[in-house]
Amino acid sequence: MKLPSFEYLRARSMEEAWALHSEAGGDALYLSGGHSVVPSMALRLQAPSRLIDISQIAELRGVSVAEGALRIGAMTRHAEVLADPLIAHHAPLLSQAAPHVAHPAIRNRGTIGGNLALADPASEFPAAVLALRAEIEANGPDGRRLIAADDFFLDLYETALAPGELLTAIHVPLPPESRLFGFDEIARRRGDYAMVGVAAQADVAGGVIAGASVTLFSVGFTPVRARAAEQALDGAPLSPESIARAQAALAQDLDPPDDPGFPPERRLQLARVLLGRVLSRMEPVK
């Protein structure tokens, strides 16, 4: 399907991007890597009159550690997420998720900021960011703000970004050495959208779990924090018994949409199987 007609403009600064967005009366979209926006336009899910290319804005690039957090610029490409040593050490869930994102050609162009702004419920990075309890940095004409990942994903392809705001970075709290991480998904073929996926982290103190974070994706209209499963894990050793309790608790956390080709009961069962697999293979920070 052909794209609808639009005006293409390139911004060299955030201020210029905001001005171009305002000139369009809000009928504009920001373009970074293009692998989220362009397919959505081809499918007529979005039809802006103006695309504003933000790929050359220097402030949106770079990975650094400061003030107790890992800061990942929004223009960091998927392939860079996979290869960056700071991300691998401080946010390994993102490194573990990256190989599952589409295919190499897409990972070489797509950006983590564009991926999060699209908020596809079957995508890997939103779930990983949610499990990491990260904060999303947004910048707009009214200033900068940080949005907790728990508050960022509102509904299907809907986020807490205000009109005209730019997603500029992701802030991930630095993990203790005792933290365990795990990520996996089930897909028909590598690179396909996941039928179900799990991102999890847990702190261990005195041999028991203290603060589990479990997120599932491709199970609803947003990535889902499995809070009942988290409660089943907290305060217990990571054992077959606690994992079984967490698997059973998913019935309280998930309400998969009805799909004639993939009934909710089957998706819930796959989620239980995958959660058990991820929890039994969790590894510490390296």
Protein backbone atom coordinates (compact mmCIF):
# COMPACT_ATOMS: atom_id res chain seq x y z
CA MET A 1 0.00 0.00 0.00
CA LYS A 2 1.32 3.46 -0.92
CA LEU A 3 1.94 6.14 1.67
CA PRO A 4 -0.46 9.09 1.83
CA SER A 5 0.99 12.40 0.65
CA PHE A 6 2.88 14.44 3.23
CA GLU A 7 5.40 17.24 3.66
CA TYR A 8 8.91 16.22 4.79
CA LEU A 9 11.05 18.60 6.85
CA ARG A 10 14.29 18.04 8.80
CA ALA A 11 14.84 19.64 12.20
CA ARG A 12 18.34 20.47 13.48
CA SER A 13 17.32 21.15 17.08
CA MET A 14 14.51 20.31 19.48
CA GLU A 15 13.34 23.94 19.37
CA GLU A 16 13.06 23.76 15.57
CA ALA A 17 11.19 20.44 15.81
CA TRP A 18 8.66 21.91 18.23
CA ALA A 19 8.17 24.96 16.01
CA LEU A 20 7.59 22.81 12.92
CA HIS A 21 5.11 20.68 14.83
CA SER A 22 3.24 23.75 16.04
CA GLU A 23 3.12 25.22 12.52
CA ALA A 24 1.34 22.08 11.34
CA GLY A 25 -1.39 22.59 13.94
CA GLY A 26 -0.55 19.27 15.54
CA ASP A 27 -1.05 17.38 12.25
CA ALA A 28 2.56 16.16 12.24
CA LEU A 29 4.66 13.21 13.33
CA TYR A 30 8.29 12.99 14.33
CA LEU A 31 10.46 10.65 12.24
CA SER A 32 13.61 9.03 13.64
CA GLY A 33 14.56 5.67 12.14
CA GLY A 34 11.31 5.38 10.21
CA HIS A 35 10.61 1.73 10.99
CA SER A 36 7.65 2.54 13.23
CA VAL A 37 6.14 5.59 11.54
CA VAL A 38 6.43 4.57 7.88
CA PRO A 39 4.72 1.14 8.20
CA SER A 40 1.91 2.69 10.26
CA MET A 41 1.38 5.27 7.50
CA ALA A 42 1.46 2.58 4.80
CA LEU A 43 -1.31 0.77 6.67
CA ARG A 44 -3.23 4.06 7.01
CA LEU A 45 -3.06 3.85 10.79
CA GLN A 46 -1.65 7.38 10.70
CA ALA A 47 -1.85 10.03 8.00
CA PRO A 48 -0.06 13.22 9.09
CA SER A 49 0.30 16.14 6.71
CA ARG A 50 3.90 16.66 7.85
CA LEU A 51 6.81 14.41 8.85
CA ILE A 52 9.53 16.06 10.93
CA ASP A 53 12.87 14.26 10.70
CA ILE A 54 14.63 14.46 14.10
CA SER A 55 17.47 12.07 13.27
CA GLN A 56 20.11 14.82 13.15
CA ILE A 57 19.40 16.32 16.59
CA ALA A 58 22.59 15.76 18.60
CA GLU A 59 20.86 15.85 22.01
CA LEU A 60 18.96 12.67 21.16
CA ARG A 61 22.10 10.55 20.82
CA GLY A 62 24.47 8.86 23.22
CA VAL A 63 24.56 6.34 26.08
CA SER A 64 25.97 7.45 29.43
CA VAL A 65 25.87 6.88 33.18
CA ALA A 66 25.16 9.78 35.52
CA GLU A 67 23.34 10.45 38.80
CA GLY A 68 22.67 6.79 39.54
CA ALA A 69 21.06 5.97 36.20
CA LEU A 70 21.87 4.79 32.71
CA ARG A 71 20.71 7.34 30.13
CA ILE A 72 19.97 6.01 26.64
CA GLY A 73 19.35 8.64 23.98
CA ALA A 74 16.17 8.18 21.97
CA MET A 75 18.08 7.97 18.68
CA THR A 76 20.04 4.90 19.85
CA ARG A 77 19.46 2.28 17.16
CA HIS A 78 18.35 -1.26 17.95
CA ALA A 79 21.71 -2.62 16.78
CA GLU A 80 23.48 -0.22 19.15
CA VAL A 81 21.30 -1.39 22.03
CA LEU A 82 22.45 -4.91 21.23
CA ALA A 83 26.16 -4.00 21.11
CA ASP A 84 26.63 -1.25 23.71
CA PRO A 85 28.65 -2.44 26.76
CA LEU A 86 27.03 0.05 29.15
CA ILE A 87 23.57 -1.22 28.24
CA ALA A 88 24.72 -4.83 28.52
CA HIS A 89 26.03 -4.21 32.04
CA HIS A 90 23.40 -1.86 33.48
CA ALA A 91 20.25 -2.81 31.52
CA PRO A 92 20.82 -6.36 30.24
CA LEU A 93 17.10 -6.87 29.61
CA LEU A 94 17.42 -4.46 26.68
CA SER A 95 20.46 -6.34 25.34
CA GLN A 96 18.57 -9.62 25.70
CA ALA A 97 15.50 -8.19 23.96
CA ALA A 98 17.33 -6.60 21.03
CA PRO A 99 18.08 -9.81 19.03
CA HIS A 100 14.35 -10.57 18.97
CA VAL A 101 13.44 -7.22 17.38
CA ALA A 102 12.55 -7.84 13.75
CA HIS A 103 15.55 -8.45 11.45
CA PRO A 104 19.09 -7.02 11.10
CA ALA A 105 18.16 -4.51 8.40
CA ILE A 106 15.48 -3.05 10.65
CA ARG A 107 17.68 -3.13 13.75
CA ASN A 108 20.31 -1.11 11.86
CA ARG A 109 17.84 1.74 11.28
CA GLY A 110 15.11 1.54 13.91
CA THR A 111 15.56 3.55 17.13
CA ILE A 112 14.56 2.73 20.68
CA GLY A 113 12.85 6.10 21.07
CA GLY A 114 10.68 5.58 18.00
CA ASN A 115 9.86 2.07 19.16
CA LEU A 116 8.70 3.24 22.59
CA ALA A 117 6.75 6.19 21.16
CA LEU A 118 4.80 3.85 18.87
CA ALA A 119 3.92 1.65 21.90
CA ASP A 120 3.22 -1.51 19.94
CA PRO A 121 1.91 -4.03 22.54
CA ALA A 122 3.71 -6.88 20.74
CA SER A 123 7.08 -5.11 20.80
CA GLU A 124 9.99 -6.14 22.99
CA PHE A 125 11.49 -2.85 24.19
CA PRO A 126 8.35 -1.42 25.87
CA ALA A 127 8.09 -4.57 28.00
CA ALA A 128 11.79 -4.51 28.89
CA VAL A 129 11.65 -0.81 29.84
CA LEU A 130 8.60 -1.48 32.01
CA ALA A 131 10.27 -4.42 33.77
CA LEU A 132 13.37 -2.28 34.37
CA ARG A 133 11.16 0.33 36.07
CA ALA A 134 12.73 2.95 33.86
CA GLU A 135 11.68 6.54 33.32
CA ILE A 136 10.93 8.10 29.96
CA GLU A 137 12.38 11.57 29.36
CA ALA A 138 10.07 13.86 27.42
CA ASN A 139 10.90 17.37 26.22
CA GLY A 140 8.48 19.94 24.85
CA PRO A 141 7.92 23.69 24.67
CA ASP A 142 6.79 23.61 28.32
CA GLY A 143 10.00 21.95 29.52
CA ARG A 144 11.46 18.57 30.43
CA ARG A 145 9.73 15.87 32.46
CA LEU A 146 10.32 12.27 33.46
CA ILE A 147 7.47 9.78 33.11
CA ALA A 148 7.56 6.47 34.97
CA ALA A 149 7.31 3.55 32.54
CA ASP A 150 4.32 2.31 34.58
CA ASP A 151 2.50 5.52 33.58
CA PHE A 152 3.77 5.83 30.01
CA PHE A 153 1.91 3.12 28.06
CA LEU A 154 -1.77 4.07 28.20
CA ASP A 155 -3.55 2.01 25.55
CA LEU A 156 -3.10 0.53 22.09
CA TYR A 157 -0.48 2.76 20.37
CA GLU A 158 -1.17 5.46 22.97
CA THR A 159 1.37 6.96 25.36
CA ALA A 160 1.57 9.74 27.93
CA LEU A 161 3.49 12.00 25.54
CA ALA A 162 1.74 15.34 25.10
CA PRO A 163 1.14 16.72 21.59
CA GLY A 164 4.42 18.05 20.22
CA GLU A 165 6.58 16.49 22.94
CA LEU A 166 9.71 14.62 21.95
CA LEU A 167 10.74 11.39 23.61
CA THR A 168 14.39 12.26 24.21
CA ALA A 169 15.85 9.49 26.41
CA ILE A 170 15.28 6.51 28.66
CA HIS A 171 16.63 6.52 32.23
CA VAL A 172 17.28 3.12 33.83
CA PRO A 173 18.21 2.93 37.54
CA LEU A 174 21.58 1.26 38.03
CA PRO A 175 21.08 -2.31 39.30
CA PRO A 176 22.75 -3.92 42.32
CA GLU A 177 25.06 -6.85 41.65
CA SER A 178 22.49 -9.22 43.19
CA ARG A 179 19.85 -8.45 40.56
CA LEU A 180 18.79 -11.24 38.21
CA PHE A 181 17.46 -10.72 34.69
CA GLY A 182 15.58 -12.85 32.16
CA PHE A 183 13.94 -12.34 28.77
CA ASP A 184 12.38 -14.61 26.16
CA GLU A 185 9.51 -14.79 23.72
CA ILE A 186 7.61 -17.33 21.66
CA ALA A 187 7.19 -16.50 17.98
CA ARG A 188 6.36 -18.58 14.94
CA ARG A 189 9.63 -17.51 13.32
CA ARG A 190 12.58 -15.43 14.49
CA GLY A 191 11.80 -11.81 13.73
CA ASP A 192 8.02 -12.30 13.66
CA TYR A 193 5.81 -10.58 16.20
CA ALA A 194 5.78 -12.54 19.43
CA MET A 195 2.76 -14.63 20.36
CA VAL A 196 3.78 -13.98 23.96
CA GLY A 197 6.90 -12.59 25.63
CA VAL A 198 8.29 -12.14 29.15
CA ALA A 199 10.80 -9.65 30.62
CA ALA A 200 11.71 -10.09 34.29
CA GLN A 201 14.16 -8.89 36.90
CA ALA A 202 14.50 -9.67 40.61
CA ASP A 203 16.74 -8.64 43.48
CA VAL A 204 17.94 -11.42 45.78
CA ALA A 205 18.78 -10.76 49.45
CA GLY A 206 19.51 -13.47 51.98
CA GLY A 207 18.58 -16.17 49.52
CA VAL A 208 15.06 -14.82 48.88
CA ILE A 209 13.58 -12.53 46.24
CA ALA A 210 13.15 -8.93 47.32
CA GLY A 211 11.44 -6.90 44.61
CA ALA A 212 10.52 -8.91 41.52
CA SER A 213 9.42 -7.13 38.35
CA VAL A 214 7.65 -9.21 35.71
CA THR A 215 6.24 -7.82 32.45
CA LEU A 216 4.49 -9.66 29.63
CA PHE A 217 3.92 -8.46 26.10
CA SER A 218 1.67 -9.46 23.22
CA VAL A 219 -1.00 -10.34 25.79
CA GLY A 220 -3.11 -7.16 25.69
CA PHE A 221 -3.29 -3.60 24.43
CA THR A 222 -0.16 -2.55 26.34
CA PRO A 223 2.75 -4.38 27.99
CA VAL A 224 1.41 -5.78 31.27
CA ARG A 225 3.05 -5.73 34.71
CA ALA A 226 2.19 -9.10 36.29
CA ARG A 227 1.78 -7.81 39.82
CA ALA A 228 0.13 -10.93 41.25
CA ALA A 229 3.00 -13.01 39.87
CA GLU A 230 5.48 -10.56 41.38
CA GLN A 231 3.82 -10.90 44.79
CA ALA A 232 3.99 -14.70 44.50
CA LEU A 233 7.77 -14.44 44.05
CA ASP A 234 8.61 -11.75 46.61
CA GLY A 235 9.87 -13.04 49.96
CA ALA A 236 10.53 -16.56 48.69
CA PRO A 237 13.57 -18.32 47.25
CA LEU A 238 13.59 -18.62 43.48
CA SER A 239 12.55 -22.27 43.42
CA PRO A 240 10.25 -24.58 41.46
CA GLU A 241 7.58 -23.96 44.09
CA SER A 242 7.70 -20.15 43.90
CA ILE A 243 7.85 -20.25 40.11
CA ALA A 244 4.75 -22.49 40.05
CA ARG A 245 2.92 -19.99 42.29
CA ALA A 246 3.89 -17.14 39.95
CA GLN A 247 2.67 -19.11 36.94
CA ALA A 248 -0.68 -19.78 38.61
CA ALA A 249 -0.99 -16.09 39.57
CA LEU A 250 -0.92 -15.04 35.90
CA ALA A 251 -4.63 -15.81 35.73
CA GLN A 252 -5.13 -12.72 37.92
CA ASP A 253 -2.81 -10.55 35.83
CA LEU A 254 -3.78 -11.32 32.25
CA ASP A 255 -6.96 -10.94 30.27
CA PRO A 256 -5.81 -11.59 26.69
CA PRO A 257 -8.05 -10.26 23.92
CA ASP A 258 -10.25 -12.74 22.09
CA ASP A 259 -8.64 -13.76 18.80
CA PRO A 260 -10.36 -16.40 16.62
CA GLY A 261 -6.98 -17.76 15.55
CA PHE A 262 -5.41 -17.64 18.99
CA PRO A 263 -7.91 -18.03 21.86
CA PRO A 264 -7.15 -16.31 25.20
CA GLU A 265 -6.83 -19.64 27.03
CA ARG A 266 -4.03 -20.73 24.74
CA ARG A 267 -2.18 -17.42 25.08
CA LEU A 268 -2.46 -17.62 28.87
CA GLN A 269 -1.08 -21.16 28.84
CA LEU A 270 1.86 -20.09 26.66
CA ALA A 271 2.48 -17.18 29.05
CA ARG A 272 2.66 -19.59 31.98
CA VAL A 273 5.09 -21.87 30.16
CA LEU A 274 7.29 -18.98 29.08
CA LEU A 275 7.29 -17.36 32.53
CA GLY A 276 8.51 -20.62 34.04
CA ARG A 277 11.25 -20.82 31.42
CA VAL A 278 12.41 -17.24 31.98
CA LEU A 279 12.39 -17.41 35.79
CA SER A 280 14.32 -20.69 35.85
CA ARG A 281 17.06 -19.20 33.62
CA MET A 282 17.47 -15.75 35.19
CA GLU A 283 21.10 -14.57 35.36
CA PRO A 284 22.91 -11.82 37.33
CA VAL A 285 24.46 -8.64 35.96
CA LYS A 286 27.74 -9.36 34.16
